Amino acid sequence: MLSIIVCTYNRDKYLYGALQCIAENGFPTDAYEIVLVNNMSTDNTEAECQRFKNDYPDVSFHYVVETDQGLSFARNRGIAESQGETLLFLDDDSYIQKDYLKNLQQQLDTHPKADAFGGKIDPVFETGEAPKWLSKWNYSWVSAIDMGDKVCPFKSKAFPIGANMGIKKAMLKKTGNFNTQLGRSKKNLMGGEEKDLFERIRQHGGNIYYFPDVVVHHVIPPSRTTKEYVKRLGEGVGRSERIRTLGESKGKYLKRLFSEIVKWGGSLVLWLGFALRGQFEKGNILFTFRRKVSRGLIINQEN
């Protein structure tokens, strides 16, 4: 069985539509379950879930409330409540394509050694157009990913994005679940919990695949395209990297500091390239983000 885990916090505007896309995927209802984890929402999330349950009574739908605030807590609760051998994580504002579940099952059957996987994430901007600063170098800032049209392993430091990713439960028994010191909580934009888990999967010899025909359309509101959001995102990334690497060893943290210097050099090269093409907004935003990452990485925010 496939367990589809959807964690939500105050996204009632999108939630019903996201669940509806799953229910109307034309996939046998006895082949999957939906585990909805409400992470202490204060909006109409519960009512929207009840509406979905009434409209689609044939779908196996499990609604639970996680009182510990934070995405990692919510995901771990979803794992604990799930019955399936394969766990699929979707965001509460992610809309899967009509053939998503069929394609996913075919990919899993074709690649039985896949311990984890991720699919293509297509950003859907509510304004109707992408921000002027967007480029392939910061595509992930809007939780988007496109690695082409062929199945391939995630190599080097690449890993799936949480709006469209999955893990075999058998692998989690080896690696453990999401690190609750990492990940977003309310409006805090810390991350790192996905990177941390996928690194542990690699350390255990796990195979992580990219499935190009497993596609999600991810809604991006205007608030996620502002310069202020990029600043908050950068600082969140830096803070999570500080916690993640220091949690392993001081040597790991020092290595991450060195890589930050390298990333500054890369940002400079990219800025020059954009400047030569007159695309200063795309270049400048890279420095804005990098500066905030470095701040979060170096400064202990808890003191």
Protein backbone atom coordinates (compact mmCIF):
# COMPACT_ATOMS: atom_id res chain seq x y z
CA MET A 1 0.00 0.00 0.00
CA LEU A 2 1.01 3.61 -0.65
CA SER A 3 0.63 6.04 2.25
CA ILE A 4 0.20 9.64 1.09
CA ILE A 5 1.19 11.97 3.94
CA VAL A 6 -0.01 15.58 3.77
CA CYS A 7 1.05 17.88 6.60
CA THR A 8 -0.78 21.16 6.85
CA TYR A 9 -0.70 24.42 8.78
CA ASN A 10 -3.21 27.17 7.96
CA ARG A 11 -3.58 26.41 4.25
CA ASP A 12 -7.34 25.87 4.05
CA LYS A 13 -7.38 27.91 0.84
CA TYR A 14 -5.51 25.17 -1.03
CA LEU A 15 -6.03 22.01 1.00
CA TYR A 16 -9.32 20.70 -0.41
CA GLY A 17 -8.09 21.08 -3.98
CA ALA A 18 -4.86 19.24 -3.17
CA LEU A 19 -6.79 16.34 -1.63
CA GLN A 20 -9.29 16.35 -4.48
CA CYS A 21 -6.49 15.86 -7.02
CA ILE A 22 -5.45 12.72 -5.16
CA ALA A 23 -8.99 11.33 -4.94
CA GLU A 24 -9.69 11.96 -8.63
CA ASN A 25 -6.46 10.40 -9.87
CA GLY A 26 -8.24 7.31 -11.19
CA PHE A 27 -6.15 5.03 -8.96
CA PRO A 28 -7.70 2.12 -7.03
CA THR A 29 -8.79 3.37 -3.62
CA ASP A 30 -7.67 0.14 -1.96
CA ALA A 31 -4.09 0.77 -3.14
CA TYR A 32 -3.48 3.92 -1.10
CA GLU A 33 -4.40 5.86 2.00
CA ILE A 34 -4.22 9.56 2.82
CA VAL A 35 -2.81 10.54 6.21
CA LEU A 36 -3.64 14.20 6.89
CA VAL A 37 -1.65 15.74 9.75
CA ASN A 38 -3.08 19.01 11.03
CA ASN A 39 -0.22 20.79 12.79
CA MET A 40 -2.40 22.96 15.06
CA SER A 41 -4.00 25.06 12.32
CA THR A 42 -6.16 27.98 13.42
CA ASP A 43 -8.15 28.36 10.19
CA ASN A 44 -10.84 26.16 8.61
CA THR A 45 -8.55 23.18 8.02
CA GLU A 46 -10.67 20.75 10.05
CA ALA A 47 -13.85 21.76 8.22
CA GLU A 48 -12.17 21.37 4.84
CA CYS A 49 -10.98 17.89 5.81
CA GLN A 50 -14.49 16.92 6.90
CA ARG A 51 -15.85 18.24 3.59
CA PHE A 52 -13.36 16.10 1.69
CA LYS A 53 -14.23 13.04 3.78
CA ASN A 54 -17.95 13.55 3.06
CA ASP A 55 -17.39 14.09 -0.67
CA TYR A 56 -15.05 11.09 -1.10
CA PRO A 57 -16.22 8.40 1.34
CA ASP A 58 -14.46 5.61 -0.58
CA VAL A 59 -11.01 7.10 0.02
CA SER A 60 -9.13 5.81 3.07
CA PHE A 61 -8.62 9.13 4.87
CA HIS A 62 -7.01 9.41 8.30
CA TYR A 63 -7.15 12.81 10.01
CA VAL A 64 -4.87 13.44 12.98
CA VAL A 65 -3.74 16.51 14.94
CA GLU A 66 -0.07 16.93 15.88
CA THR A 67 0.29 19.30 18.84
CA ASP A 68 4.09 19.70 18.64
CA GLN A 69 4.60 22.60 16.27
CA GLY A 70 6.88 22.08 13.29
CA LEU A 71 6.96 20.31 9.95
CA SER A 72 9.36 17.61 11.14
CA PHE A 73 7.07 16.77 14.06
CA ALA A 74 4.11 16.61 11.67
CA ARG A 75 5.91 14.40 9.16
CA ASN A 76 7.07 12.03 11.88
CA ARG A 77 3.50 11.78 13.13
CA GLY A 78 2.39 10.95 9.61
CA ILE A 79 5.00 8.20 9.43
CA ALA A 80 3.79 6.76 12.75
CA GLU A 81 0.15 6.76 11.59
CA SER A 82 0.83 5.29 8.15
CA GLN A 83 0.14 1.70 7.11
CA GLY A 84 1.91 1.60 3.74
CA GLU A 85 5.31 0.25 2.75
CA THR A 86 5.98 3.34 0.62
CA LEU A 87 5.50 6.82 2.07
CA LEU A 88 4.71 9.72 -0.25
CA PHE A 89 4.99 13.27 1.09
CA LEU A 90 3.01 16.02 -0.63
CA ASP A 91 2.56 19.65 0.40
CA ASP A 92 -0.87 21.01 1.26
CA ASP A 93 -0.64 23.36 -1.75
CA SER A 94 0.65 20.74 -4.22
CA TYR A 95 -1.66 19.50 -6.99
CA ILE A 96 -0.70 16.18 -8.54
CA GLN A 97 -1.27 15.47 -12.23
CA LYS A 98 -4.09 13.15 -13.33
CA ASP A 99 -1.70 10.27 -14.06
CA TYR A 100 0.50 10.81 -11.01
CA LEU A 101 -0.33 7.72 -8.95
CA LYS A 102 -0.38 5.39 -11.96
CA ASN A 103 2.99 6.68 -13.10
CA LEU A 104 4.44 6.44 -9.62
CA GLN A 105 3.35 2.83 -9.22
CA GLN A 106 4.87 1.96 -12.61
CA GLN A 107 8.15 3.62 -11.65
CA LEU A 108 8.28 1.81 -8.32
CA ASP A 109 7.59 -1.51 -10.06
CA THR A 110 10.28 -0.79 -12.66
CA HIS A 111 12.83 0.39 -10.08
CA PRO A 112 12.35 -1.86 -7.04
CA LYS A 113 15.74 -0.81 -5.64
CA ALA A 114 14.58 2.79 -5.19
CA ASP A 115 14.75 3.44 -1.44
CA ALA A 116 13.62 7.02 -1.92
CA PHE A 117 12.46 9.17 -4.81
CA GLY A 118 11.40 12.59 -5.95
CA GLY A 119 9.50 13.89 -8.94
CA LYS A 120 9.21 17.01 -11.04
CA ILE A 121 7.74 20.09 -9.31
CA ASP A 122 6.26 22.75 -11.56
CA PRO A 123 5.79 26.14 -9.85
CA VAL A 124 2.42 27.81 -10.46
CA PHE A 125 2.68 31.52 -9.64
CA GLU A 126 -0.58 33.03 -8.45
CA THR A 127 0.38 36.35 -10.06
CA GLY A 128 0.55 34.63 -13.43
CA GLU A 129 4.25 35.24 -13.95
CA ALA A 130 7.56 34.22 -12.40
CA PRO A 131 9.55 36.78 -10.37
CA LYS A 132 12.17 38.65 -12.38
CA TRP A 133 14.96 37.29 -10.16
CA LEU A 134 14.18 33.63 -10.90
CA SER A 135 16.82 31.59 -12.75
CA LYS A 136 17.93 27.96 -12.88
CA TRP A 137 20.39 28.77 -10.08
CA ASN A 138 17.66 29.58 -7.57
CA TYR A 139 14.80 27.45 -8.91
CA SER A 140 14.66 25.53 -5.63
CA TRP A 141 13.82 28.72 -3.71
CA VAL A 142 10.23 28.30 -4.94
CA SER A 143 10.34 24.56 -4.14
CA ALA A 144 10.62 23.64 -7.81
CA ILE A 145 12.69 20.96 -9.49
CA ASP A 146 13.17 19.80 -13.08
CA MET A 147 16.00 17.38 -13.85
CA GLY A 148 14.84 16.53 -17.33
CA ASP A 149 12.67 13.82 -18.85
CA LYS A 150 14.68 10.72 -18.01
CA VAL A 151 14.76 8.61 -14.87
CA CYS A 152 18.07 9.10 -13.08
CA PRO A 153 19.57 8.91 -9.60
CA PHE A 154 20.00 12.03 -7.53
CA LYS A 155 23.76 12.51 -7.58
CA SER A 156 26.28 14.26 -5.37
CA LYS A 157 24.51 16.70 -3.03
CA ALA A 158 21.20 16.81 -4.93
CA PHE A 159 18.09 15.49 -3.23
CA PRO A 160 14.28 15.53 -3.67
CA ILE A 161 12.16 18.46 -2.52
CA GLY A 162 9.48 18.02 0.12
CA ALA A 163 6.53 19.05 -2.04
CA ASN A 164 6.96 15.82 -4.02
CA MET A 165 9.09 13.10 -2.42
CA GLY A 166 8.83 9.59 -1.11
CA ILE A 167 10.71 7.09 1.06
CA LYS A 168 10.39 3.37 1.65
CA LYS A 169 9.44 2.67 5.25
CA ALA A 170 12.05 -0.09 5.41
CA MET A 171 14.78 2.52 4.82
CA LEU A 172 13.44 4.75 7.60
CA LYS A 173 13.83 1.86 10.01
CA LYS A 174 17.57 2.07 9.28
CA THR A 175 17.99 5.85 9.20
CA GLY A 176 15.43 7.09 11.68
CA ASN A 177 12.86 9.79 10.96
CA PHE A 178 13.08 13.55 10.40
CA ASN A 179 15.26 15.58 12.78
CA THR A 180 12.83 17.68 14.84
CA GLN A 181 15.52 20.31 15.51
CA LEU A 182 15.29 21.14 11.81
CA GLY A 183 12.45 22.15 9.50
CA ARG A 184 9.85 24.88 9.33
CA SER A 185 7.63 25.88 12.22
CA LYS A 186 4.81 28.38 11.73
CA LYS A 187 6.43 31.29 9.85
CA ASN A 188 10.00 30.21 10.60
CA LEU A 189 11.74 29.34 7.31
CA MET A 190 14.33 26.97 8.67
CA GLY A 191 14.88 23.87 6.57
CA GLY A 192 17.53 21.19 6.42
CA GLU A 193 15.42 18.27 7.61
CA GLU A 194 15.09 16.83 4.11
CA LYS A 195 18.79 17.22 3.31
CA ASP A 196 19.66 15.66 6.67
CA LEU A 197 17.46 12.61 6.06
CA PHE A 198 18.59 12.03 2.48
CA GLU A 199 22.23 12.24 3.56
CA ARG A 200 21.52 9.51 6.12
CA ILE A 201 19.86 7.43 3.41
CA ARG A 202 23.00 7.75 1.28
CA GLN A 203 25.19 6.81 4.26
CA HIS A 204 23.18 3.59 4.53
CA GLY A 205 23.73 2.83 0.85
CA GLY A 206 20.23 3.84 -0.21
CA ASN A 207 19.26 4.60 -3.81
CA ILE A 208 17.44 7.90 -4.47
CA TYR A 209 15.74 8.21 -7.87
CA TYR A 210 14.26 11.06 -9.89
CA PHE A 211 11.00 10.14 -11.64
CA PRO A 212 10.23 12.76 -14.33
CA ASP A 213 6.63 11.69 -15.02
CA VAL A 214 5.61 11.99 -11.36
CA VAL A 215 4.62 15.64 -11.60
CA VAL A 216 3.24 18.09 -9.06
CA HIS A 217 2.01 21.63 -9.68
CA HIS A 218 3.01 23.70 -6.66
CA VAL A 219 1.19 26.95 -5.91
CA ILE A 220 3.49 29.92 -5.21
CA PRO A 221 1.70 32.94 -3.69
CA PRO A 222 3.02 36.49 -4.19
CA SER A 223 4.42 36.50 -0.64
CA ARG A 224 6.99 33.87 -1.69
CA THR A 225 8.40 35.97 -4.53
CA THR A 226 9.44 39.07 -2.57
CA LYS A 227 12.95 40.13 -1.64
CA GLU A 228 11.96 39.98 2.02
CA TYR A 229 10.99 36.32 1.63
CA VAL A 230 14.35 35.54 0.01
CA LYS A 231 16.12 37.16 2.97
CA ARG A 232 14.13 35.11 5.49
CA LEU A 233 14.68 31.96 3.45
CA GLY A 234 18.44 32.55 3.30
CA GLU A 235 18.73 33.10 7.04
CA GLY A 236 16.61 30.00 7.67
CA VAL A 237 18.88 27.92 5.46
CA GLY A 238 21.95 29.23 7.28
CA ARG A 239 20.51 28.52 10.72
CA SER A 240 19.48 24.99 9.77
CA GLU A 241 22.93 24.28 8.31
CA ARG A 242 24.55 25.50 11.53
CA ILE A 243 22.37 23.22 13.65
CA ARG A 244 22.69 20.26 11.29
CA THR A 245 26.47 20.32 10.91
CA LEU A 246 27.30 21.21 14.52
CA GLY A 247 25.00 18.37 15.56
CA GLU A 248 27.31 15.95 13.76
CA SER A 249 30.74 17.36 14.62
CA LYS A 250 32.79 20.54 14.81
CA GLY A 251 34.77 19.29 11.81
CA LYS A 252 31.56 19.00 9.77
CA TYR A 253 30.68 22.59 10.68
CA LEU A 254 34.13 23.89 9.70
CA LYS A 255 33.85 22.05 6.40
CA ARG A 256 30.48 23.73 5.83
CA LEU A 257 32.04 27.14 6.57
CA PHE A 258 34.68 26.46 3.93
CA SER A 259 32.02 25.47 1.40
CA GLU A 260 30.25 28.76 2.13
CA ILE A 261 33.36 30.61 0.97
CA VAL A 262 33.30 28.56 -2.23
CA LYS A 263 29.62 29.39 -2.70
CA TRP A 264 30.44 33.10 -2.41
CA GLY A 265 32.94 32.66 -5.24
CA GLY A 266 30.30 30.90 -7.32
CA SER A 267 27.81 33.68 -6.63
CA LEU A 268 30.33 36.25 -7.83
CA VAL A 269 30.90 34.36 -11.08
CA LEU A 270 27.15 34.07 -11.66
CA TRP A 271 26.66 37.78 -10.87
CA LEU A 272 29.24 38.73 -13.48
CA GLY A 273 27.50 36.54 -16.04
CA PHE A 274 24.11 38.13 -15.34
CA ALA A 275 25.66 41.62 -15.31
CA LEU A 276 27.13 41.09 -18.78
CA ARG A 277 23.60 40.29 -19.99
CA GLY A 278 22.11 43.26 -18.15
CA GLN A 279 20.16 40.99 -15.79
CA PHE A 280 21.24 42.71 -12.59
CA GLU A 281 18.13 41.68 -10.62
CA LYS A 282 18.95 38.00 -11.11
CA GLY A 283 22.54 38.57 -10.03
CA ASN A 284 21.84 40.83 -7.06
CA ILE A 285 19.34 38.43 -5.50
CA LEU A 286 22.06 35.77 -5.31
CA PHE A 287 24.16 38.06 -3.12
CA THR A 288 21.12 38.93 -0.99
CA PHE A 289 20.46 35.25 -0.36
CA ARG A 290 24.12 34.34 0.21
CA ARG A 291 24.61 37.14 2.72
CA LYS A 292 21.67 35.92 4.79
CA VAL A 293 22.78 32.28 4.60
CA SER A 294 26.22 33.27 5.90
CA ARG A 295 24.69 35.27 8.74
CA GLY A 296 22.51 32.36 9.82
CA LEU A 297 25.41 29.94 9.52
CA ILE A 298 27.86 32.00 11.59
CA ILE A 299 25.72 33.74 14.21
CA ASN A 300 24.13 31.68 16.98
CA GLN A 301 20.55 32.95 16.95
CA GLU A 302 19.74 31.38 20.32
CA ASN A 303 22.14 33.60 22.26
